[in-house]
Structure formats: C-alpha cells, structure tokens
Protein backbone atom coordinates (compact mmCIF):
# COMPACT_ATOMS: atom_id res chain seq x y z
CA MET A 1 5.76 37.20 -3.41
CA ARG A 2 8.12 38.87 -0.93
CA ALA A 3 10.15 40.16 -3.88
CA LEU A 4 7.01 41.85 -5.21
CA PHE A 5 6.31 43.55 -1.88
CA ARG A 6 9.94 44.57 -1.43
CA LYS A 7 9.84 46.20 -4.85
CA VAL A 8 7.02 48.59 -3.90
CA PHE A 9 7.07 48.65 -0.08
CA THR A 10 10.42 50.42 0.12
CA PRO A 11 12.15 52.44 2.86
CA ARG A 12 11.33 55.54 0.83
CA ARG A 13 7.62 54.70 0.92
CA VAL A 14 7.77 54.27 4.69
CA GLN A 15 9.50 57.64 4.95
CA GLU A 16 6.78 59.19 2.80
CA MET A 17 4.23 57.96 5.35
CA GLU A 18 5.73 60.10 8.13
CA PRO A 19 3.49 63.16 7.51
CA ASP A 20 0.44 60.86 7.61
CA VAL A 21 1.57 59.35 10.91
CA ILE A 22 2.01 62.83 12.42
CA ALA A 23 -1.31 64.12 11.08
CA ILE A 24 -3.30 61.09 12.27
CA ALA A 25 -1.60 61.13 15.67
CA SER A 26 -2.35 64.85 16.08
CA GLU A 27 -6.01 64.30 15.27
CA LEU A 28 -6.28 61.45 17.78
CA LEU A 29 -4.54 63.49 20.48
CA ASP A 30 -7.02 66.32 19.90
CA ARG A 31 -9.83 63.85 20.52
CA ILE A 32 -8.14 62.53 23.66
CA GLU A 33 -7.75 66.07 24.97
CA LEU A 34 -11.48 66.68 24.60
CA ALA A 35 -12.44 63.30 26.05
CA GLY A 36 -10.09 63.74 29.02
CA ALA A 37 -11.19 67.25 29.94
CA GLY A 38 -11.86 67.72 33.62
CA GLY A 39 -9.83 64.67 34.61
CA ALA A 40 -12.06 62.11 32.89
CA GLU A 41 -10.41 58.78 32.16
CA VAL A 42 -9.61 57.93 28.55
CA ASP A 43 -8.85 54.43 27.28
CA TYR A 44 -5.46 54.90 25.65
CA MET A 45 -5.77 51.58 23.82
CA ALA A 46 -9.18 52.29 22.29
CA GLU A 47 -8.56 55.95 21.50
CA PHE A 48 -4.96 55.84 20.30
CA ALA A 49 -3.05 52.55 20.26
CA TYR A 50 -5.70 50.71 18.21
CA LEU A 51 -6.67 53.58 15.93
CA LEU A 52 -3.30 54.97 14.83
CA PRO A 53 -1.80 51.76 13.34
CA ALA A 54 -5.07 50.81 11.65
CA ARG A 55 -5.47 54.20 9.99
CA VAL A 56 -1.81 54.43 8.98
CA VAL A 57 -1.71 51.02 7.28
CA GLY A 58 -5.12 51.74 5.77
CA ARG A 59 -3.76 54.90 4.21
CA LEU A 60 -0.66 53.04 3.01
CA LEU A 61 -2.80 50.44 1.25
CA GLY A 62 -5.36 52.92 -0.05
CA LEU A 63 -8.32 51.86 2.11
CA PRO A 64 -10.87 54.66 2.60
CA ASP A 65 -10.85 55.99 6.18
CA ASP A 66 -14.56 55.18 6.51
CA ASP A 67 -13.83 51.48 5.91
CA ILE A 68 -11.05 51.09 8.49
CA SER A 69 -13.29 50.32 11.46
CA TRP A 70 -15.10 47.55 9.57
CA PHE A 71 -11.86 46.17 8.17
CA ARG A 72 -10.21 46.10 11.58
CA SER A 73 -13.18 44.29 13.11
CA GLN A 74 -12.95 41.56 10.46
CA VAL A 75 -9.22 41.12 11.08
CA ASP A 76 -9.92 40.79 14.81
CA VAL A 77 -12.39 37.97 14.08
CA ILE A 78 -9.76 36.14 12.02
CA ASN A 79 -7.10 36.67 14.69
CA ASP A 80 -9.39 35.16 17.30
CA TRP A 81 -9.32 31.91 15.34
CA LEU A 82 -5.57 32.09 14.63
CA ASP A 83 -4.61 32.46 18.29
CA PHE A 84 -3.99 28.68 18.69
CA ARG A 85 -6.32 28.16 21.62
CA ARG A 86 -9.08 25.56 21.57
CA LYS A 87 -12.04 27.08 19.70
CA GLY A 88 -15.57 26.02 18.91
CA PRO A 89 -16.98 25.67 15.37
CA GLU A 90 -18.76 29.02 15.65
CA VAL A 91 -15.39 30.82 15.91
CA LEU A 92 -14.14 29.05 12.78
CA ALA A 93 -17.36 29.91 10.94
CA ALA A 94 -17.05 33.57 11.91
CA ALA A 95 -13.40 33.67 10.81
CA ASP A 96 -14.25 31.97 7.51
CA LYS A 97 -16.98 34.53 6.81
CA ALA A 98 -14.67 37.42 7.73
CA ALA A 99 -11.96 36.08 5.40
CA THR A 100 -14.49 35.73 2.58
CA ASP A 101 -15.78 39.27 3.10
CA ILE A 102 -12.26 40.72 3.19
CA THR A 103 -11.34 38.80 0.03
CA THR A 104 -14.37 40.21 -1.78
CA TYR A 105 -13.51 43.70 -0.54
CA TYR A 106 -9.88 43.47 -1.67
CA LEU A 107 -10.73 42.01 -5.08
CA ASP A 108 -13.12 44.89 -5.68
CA LEU A 109 -10.50 47.43 -4.58
CA ILE A 110 -7.85 45.81 -6.81
CA ALA A 111 -10.23 46.07 -9.77
CA GLN A 112 -10.82 49.75 -8.98
CA ARG A 113 -7.08 50.49 -8.74
CA ARG A 114 -6.40 48.54 -11.93
CA ALA A 115 -8.92 50.75 -13.74
CA LYS A 116 -7.90 53.97 -12.00
CA PRO A 117 -4.56 53.84 -10.14
CA GLU A 118 -3.92 56.08 -7.15
CA GLN A 119 -0.90 56.90 -5.01
CA ASP A 120 -1.13 53.85 -2.76
CA LEU A 121 0.46 50.46 -2.27
CA ILE A 122 -2.34 48.42 -3.85
CA SER A 123 -2.09 50.46 -7.05
CA ASP A 124 1.67 49.89 -7.22
CA LEU A 125 1.36 46.18 -6.46
CA THR A 126 -1.31 45.76 -9.13
CA LYS A 127 0.83 47.61 -11.67
CA ALA A 128 3.88 45.46 -10.87
CA ILE A 129 1.82 42.30 -11.39
CA ASP A 130 0.27 43.54 -14.63
CA ASP A 131 3.73 44.45 -15.95
CA GLY A 132 4.41 40.72 -16.04
CA THR A 133 7.53 40.81 -13.87
CA HIS A 134 5.82 38.91 -11.03
CA GLN A 135 3.65 35.84 -11.58
CA VAL A 136 1.09 36.46 -8.84
CA THR A 137 -2.67 35.98 -9.01
CA ASP A 138 -5.12 38.45 -7.52
CA LEU A 139 -6.13 35.89 -4.88
CA GLU A 140 -2.49 35.38 -3.88
CA LEU A 141 -2.11 39.14 -3.63
CA VAL A 142 -5.22 39.36 -1.43
CA GLY A 143 -3.84 36.75 0.98
CA ASN A 144 -0.61 38.66 1.37
CA LEU A 145 -2.38 42.01 1.72
CA LEU A 146 -4.29 40.55 4.64
CA VAL A 147 -1.04 39.38 6.22
CA LEU A 148 0.53 42.82 5.67
CA PHE A 149 -2.43 44.64 7.23
CA ASN A 150 -2.38 42.30 10.20
CA ALA A 151 1.40 42.45 10.64
CA SER A 152 1.42 46.25 10.39
CA PHE A 153 -1.53 46.58 12.75
CA SER A 154 -1.68 43.95 15.50
CA THR A 155 1.94 44.08 16.66
CA THR A 156 2.07 47.88 16.49
CA ILE A 157 -1.00 48.19 18.70
CA HIS A 158 0.78 46.38 21.51
CA LEU A 159 4.06 48.19 20.90
CA PHE A 160 2.17 51.40 21.72
CA GLY A 161 0.34 49.77 24.62
CA ASN A 162 3.36 48.10 26.22
CA ALA A 163 5.35 51.34 25.98
CA MET A 164 2.89 53.36 28.05
CA PRO A 165 3.32 51.77 31.52
CA LEU A 166 7.08 51.94 31.01
CA LEU A 167 6.89 55.61 30.09
CA LEU A 168 4.79 56.37 33.15
CA SER A 169 6.98 54.40 35.55
CA GLU A 170 10.40 55.24 34.11
CA GLY A 171 9.76 58.76 32.82
CA HIS A 172 9.87 59.93 29.22
CA SER A 173 13.10 61.95 29.05
CA GLN A 174 14.96 59.07 27.40
CA LEU A 175 12.19 58.68 24.82
CA LEU A 176 12.48 62.33 23.83
CA ALA A 177 16.28 62.16 23.76
CA ASP A 178 16.46 59.09 21.49
CA PRO A 179 13.09 57.77 20.25
CA ALA A 180 14.66 55.02 18.13
CA ALA A 181 16.65 53.54 21.02
CA TYR A 182 13.67 53.78 23.37
CA VAL A 183 11.31 52.01 20.97
CA GLU A 184 13.88 49.27 20.36
CA GLU A 185 14.14 48.62 24.09
CA VAL A 186 10.35 48.44 24.44
CA LEU A 187 10.35 45.86 21.64
CA ARG A 188 12.96 43.84 23.52
CA TYR A 189 11.74 44.24 27.10
CA ASP A 190 8.02 43.72 26.50
CA THR A 191 7.84 41.99 23.12
CA PRO A 192 4.36 42.43 21.55
CA ALA A 193 4.38 39.18 19.52
CA HIS A 194 6.18 37.04 22.08
CA VAL A 195 5.48 33.74 20.32
CA PHE A 196 5.85 32.84 16.64
CA ILE A 197 4.23 29.63 15.41
CA ARG A 198 5.90 27.77 12.56
CA VAL A 199 5.36 24.39 10.88
CA ALA A 200 8.24 22.01 10.23
CA GLY A 201 8.54 21.55 6.47
CA LYS A 202 10.29 18.20 6.77
CA ASP A 203 11.62 15.73 9.34
CA THR A 204 14.63 17.38 10.92
CA GLU A 205 16.48 17.98 14.16
CA PHE A 206 17.11 21.35 15.80
CA LEU A 207 19.45 21.73 18.78
CA GLY A 208 19.07 18.03 19.47
CA VAL A 209 15.28 18.08 19.36
CA PRO A 210 13.71 15.86 16.65
CA LEU A 211 10.93 17.51 14.62
CA LYS A 212 8.46 15.73 12.37
CA GLU A 213 7.15 17.17 9.11
CA GLY A 214 3.98 19.14 9.82
CA GLN A 215 4.74 19.54 13.53
CA LEU A 216 3.97 22.93 15.07
CA VAL A 217 6.97 24.75 16.50
CA ALA A 218 6.63 27.63 18.96
CA VAL A 219 9.45 30.17 18.74
CA LEU A 220 9.52 32.16 21.99
CA THR A 221 10.73 35.56 20.83
CA GLY A 222 9.89 37.13 24.17
CA ALA A 223 12.22 34.67 25.92
CA ALA A 224 14.95 35.19 23.32
CA ASN A 225 14.79 38.94 23.92
CA ARG A 226 15.49 38.28 27.63
CA ASP A 227 18.31 35.80 27.00
CA PRO A 228 21.19 36.65 29.39
CA ARG A 229 23.66 35.14 26.93
CA ARG A 230 22.75 37.93 24.51
CA PHE A 231 21.61 40.82 26.71
CA SER A 232 23.34 42.02 29.86
CA GLU A 233 20.87 42.33 32.77
CA PRO A 234 17.99 41.34 30.46
CA ASP A 235 15.25 41.99 33.03
CA ARG A 236 16.26 45.64 33.38
CA PHE A 237 14.64 48.23 31.09
CA ASP A 238 17.51 50.26 29.63
CA PRO A 239 17.01 52.37 26.49
CA THR A 240 20.76 53.14 26.45
CA ARG A 241 21.57 49.44 26.04
CA PRO A 242 24.40 49.06 23.47
CA ASP A 243 24.04 46.83 20.41
CA ASN A 244 20.34 46.32 21.12
CA GLN A 245 19.01 44.06 18.36
CA PRO A 246 15.90 42.20 19.54
CA ILE A 247 14.21 39.65 17.29
CA SER A 248 10.73 41.05 17.90
CA PHE A 249 9.98 41.11 14.16
CA GLY A 250 11.66 37.82 13.34
CA ALA A 251 14.82 37.45 11.30
CA GLY A 252 16.15 36.25 7.99
CA ALA A 253 13.98 35.49 4.97
CA HIS A 254 10.74 35.86 6.92
CA TYR A 255 11.59 39.14 8.64
CA CYS A 256 8.38 41.14 9.08
CA LEU A 257 7.71 43.43 6.10
CA GLY A 258 5.88 45.88 8.36
CA ALA A 259 8.72 46.30 10.87
CA ALA A 260 10.01 49.60 9.49
CA LEU A 261 6.53 51.11 9.47
CA ALA A 262 5.84 49.97 13.05
CA ARG A 263 9.09 51.49 14.27
CA THR A 264 8.42 54.73 12.39
CA GLU A 265 4.95 55.06 13.91
CA ALA A 266 6.21 54.52 17.45
CA GLN A 267 9.27 56.75 17.08
CA LEU A 268 7.12 59.62 15.81
CA ALA A 269 3.90 59.23 17.79
CA LEU A 270 5.05 58.23 21.29
CA PRO A 271 7.02 61.48 21.77
CA MET A 272 3.97 63.38 20.51
CA VAL A 273 1.83 61.78 23.23
CA MET A 274 4.23 62.63 26.04
CA GLU A 275 4.98 66.15 24.79
CA ARG A 276 1.28 66.87 24.50
CA PHE A 277 0.36 65.36 27.86
CA PRO A 278 3.40 65.51 30.19
CA GLN A 279 1.10 64.94 33.21
CA LEU A 280 -0.42 61.80 31.71
CA ALA A 281 -1.03 59.14 34.38
CA LEU A 282 -2.52 55.67 34.69
CA GLY A 283 -6.18 55.62 35.64
CA SER A 284 -8.14 52.60 36.80
CA GLU A 285 -6.83 49.04 36.52
CA PRO A 286 -5.58 48.08 33.02
CA VAL A 287 -6.97 44.94 31.39
CA ARG A 288 -4.55 42.53 29.74
CA THR A 289 -5.32 40.74 26.47
CA ASP A 290 -6.25 37.08 26.74
CA GLN A 291 -4.39 36.13 23.57
CA PHE A 292 -1.69 33.49 23.30
CA ILE A 293 0.52 35.04 20.63
CA LEU A 294 0.19 38.75 21.33
CA ARG A 295 1.15 40.23 24.69
CA GLY A 296 -0.39 43.56 25.58
CA TYR A 297 -3.43 45.38 26.85
CA LYS A 298 -7.08 45.26 25.93
CA SER A 299 -7.78 48.42 27.93
CA LEU A 300 -5.40 50.97 29.47
CA PRO A 301 -7.27 53.86 31.15
CA VAL A 302 -5.30 57.09 31.59
CA THR A 303 -5.88 60.67 32.67
CA VAL A 304 -4.27 63.42 30.64
CA ALA A 305 -4.65 66.47 32.93
CA ASP A 306 -3.78 69.75 31.22
CA PRO A 307 -2.12 69.40 27.81
CA VAL A 308 0.87 71.47 26.80
CA LEU A 309 0.46 73.62 23.71
CA VAL A 310 3.39 75.02 21.76
CA THR A 311 2.96 78.69 20.91
CA ALA A 312 3.89 80.29 17.61
CA GLY A 313 7.17 81.45 19.15
CA GLY A 314 8.07 77.90 20.13
CA SER A 315 7.54 78.17 23.89
CA ALA A 316 5.37 75.71 25.77
CA ASP A 317 2.38 76.80 27.83
CA ALA A 318 -0.11 74.79 29.86
CA SER A 319 -3.58 75.16 28.46
CA GLY A 320 -6.58 76.09 30.48
C-alpha cells in the first residue's frame, strides 16, 4: 500500500501544491484582517491553523471545498475515539457512524474519478490500481485515504498552533531568515504528535523490557526530541541548531507520508502570517487541547493590529 502512495504522492506533487498553499493562506489572512479590524480578537486556531491544512489536503485529494468542513468534523469524531482515553459506548457509536459515512463518501468519489479522472491524488491512485500494478481493493484504499487525510491534517494544525507562541515570544526574524530551520525546531521543541501508539506484533524484548504480542507500546516522540544525548541544551528553542533531525513524523518504514506536505505548508504560510501582521500579539488566555496523543491548542486568541501591505513597487506600508 505504501508503495502505491509513494508512486503518486511524490516530492514533485508536493511542490506543485505550493501555489495552492499560498493562495489558501492569502485568502484566510484576508479574512483574519477583516475579523481583527479595530483590535478585535481573532482565534488563530479556528481561523487559520485548522482551516489551512484541511483545505490543502482536501485540494490534494480532490475533495470539493464545500465538503471540507463536513469531512473535517467527521475526522474529529473518529479522532476522539482514537485518543486512547476511557470512552463511553456513545463515543464509539459516533466514531463508527463517522467512519461509515466517510467510507461511503470516498467510495462514491472513487467511482466518480474512475469514470472521469481529474488532476488530483484520488484519480492517480485509482488509475494506478486499475492498471493492475498494485493489488489494492477500493475499501483498502479508502482506509488509507482516511489515514492520509488525518496525518496531513491533525499534526499540521498543531504545528501551526505550537509555532505561534514561540514566534510571539522569540520574535520572527529567524523564521523569515530560514523558514525550513525554524519549522524543524518547532517540530522538535514542541512536538505536535508527542506520543505514537504501536502494537507489538510478537513476543519480544526491547532495551531489556519484555513485550507480549498484542501489547500496546507508547513511543514518546516528544521526549525523544528533548533527549540530551541527541540534542545539546534540548530545552532551549534554537532554530540555528546544527544537525537538527527530530523524529516528529516517525522514522523508517512507517515514516509519515504527509511529512513533506506539512513542512511545506508551515515553511510557506508561517512567514506569510508574520509578514502580513508584524504587530500580531496574543489576546486572551489560550486553551490547550485535552487530547492524549496530540499536543497543541484548541483556541489561541490573537490581535492583528494594522496589517502590512506590499505596494506594487515592493515597499511595505502600514494600512489604515
């Protein structure tokens, strides 16, 4: 299955998404400017961090923009069940219904793309399957499309969210100087998915700890990214850190397929936010998520003050 996705979800395809990332980010920033006029608070999470990744991955897959809000809400219901906290039967029932509805939606979309292909990932995946080079059923494809949407959406939300307090406390000059290095340090310092849950496939032993087949194993990526044996002064935020290779997206055979897209979104869009609103500041008290696996913010109110507009000649002027 991963071979199928690697065949069509290539670095070139991620690069081709860059104009979409910029266009969507610009549209969202326009909305934030209007909502924040006169010093009104704007929820950065609701108006930007949640919307940008969802719309970008939706466009990658070929989901109509009008369906993104519904689709995202269904994924949130499923994630609530997957968060490994004790849940009641009503949460399981809601997640089961959401998964059924998403499956029906995807199967219908696959049928549409099979009949009339478009320039999107689902069309290319369907074509690769129908060519006979990959033995994958439509239901197997649907399951992996859900994982891809979630992986390219949930983690990226909190990458954007966790970056903002750092930008406002540390300044954004280093972000503008080297977006890639800055984003990598955010991923290390405040890892969005700070726990991975795995299941032992057989009885084994790891670092002297016996594991039974079927046993749940929690991999603390957030702790690994602060390991002093790997990172000098790990509790210090330093975008100039040499050889910075956090494991925020996993490693090896199960390395996150959406990692390149998440990095691209953050490297392009975070500088756009700070260039547009250099006076951006925290508003009222942020609200943290109550999730076990994902670390980030549910709400992050900000004020944007006067935006900076770039004139036709390239100079920057404060609006208003």
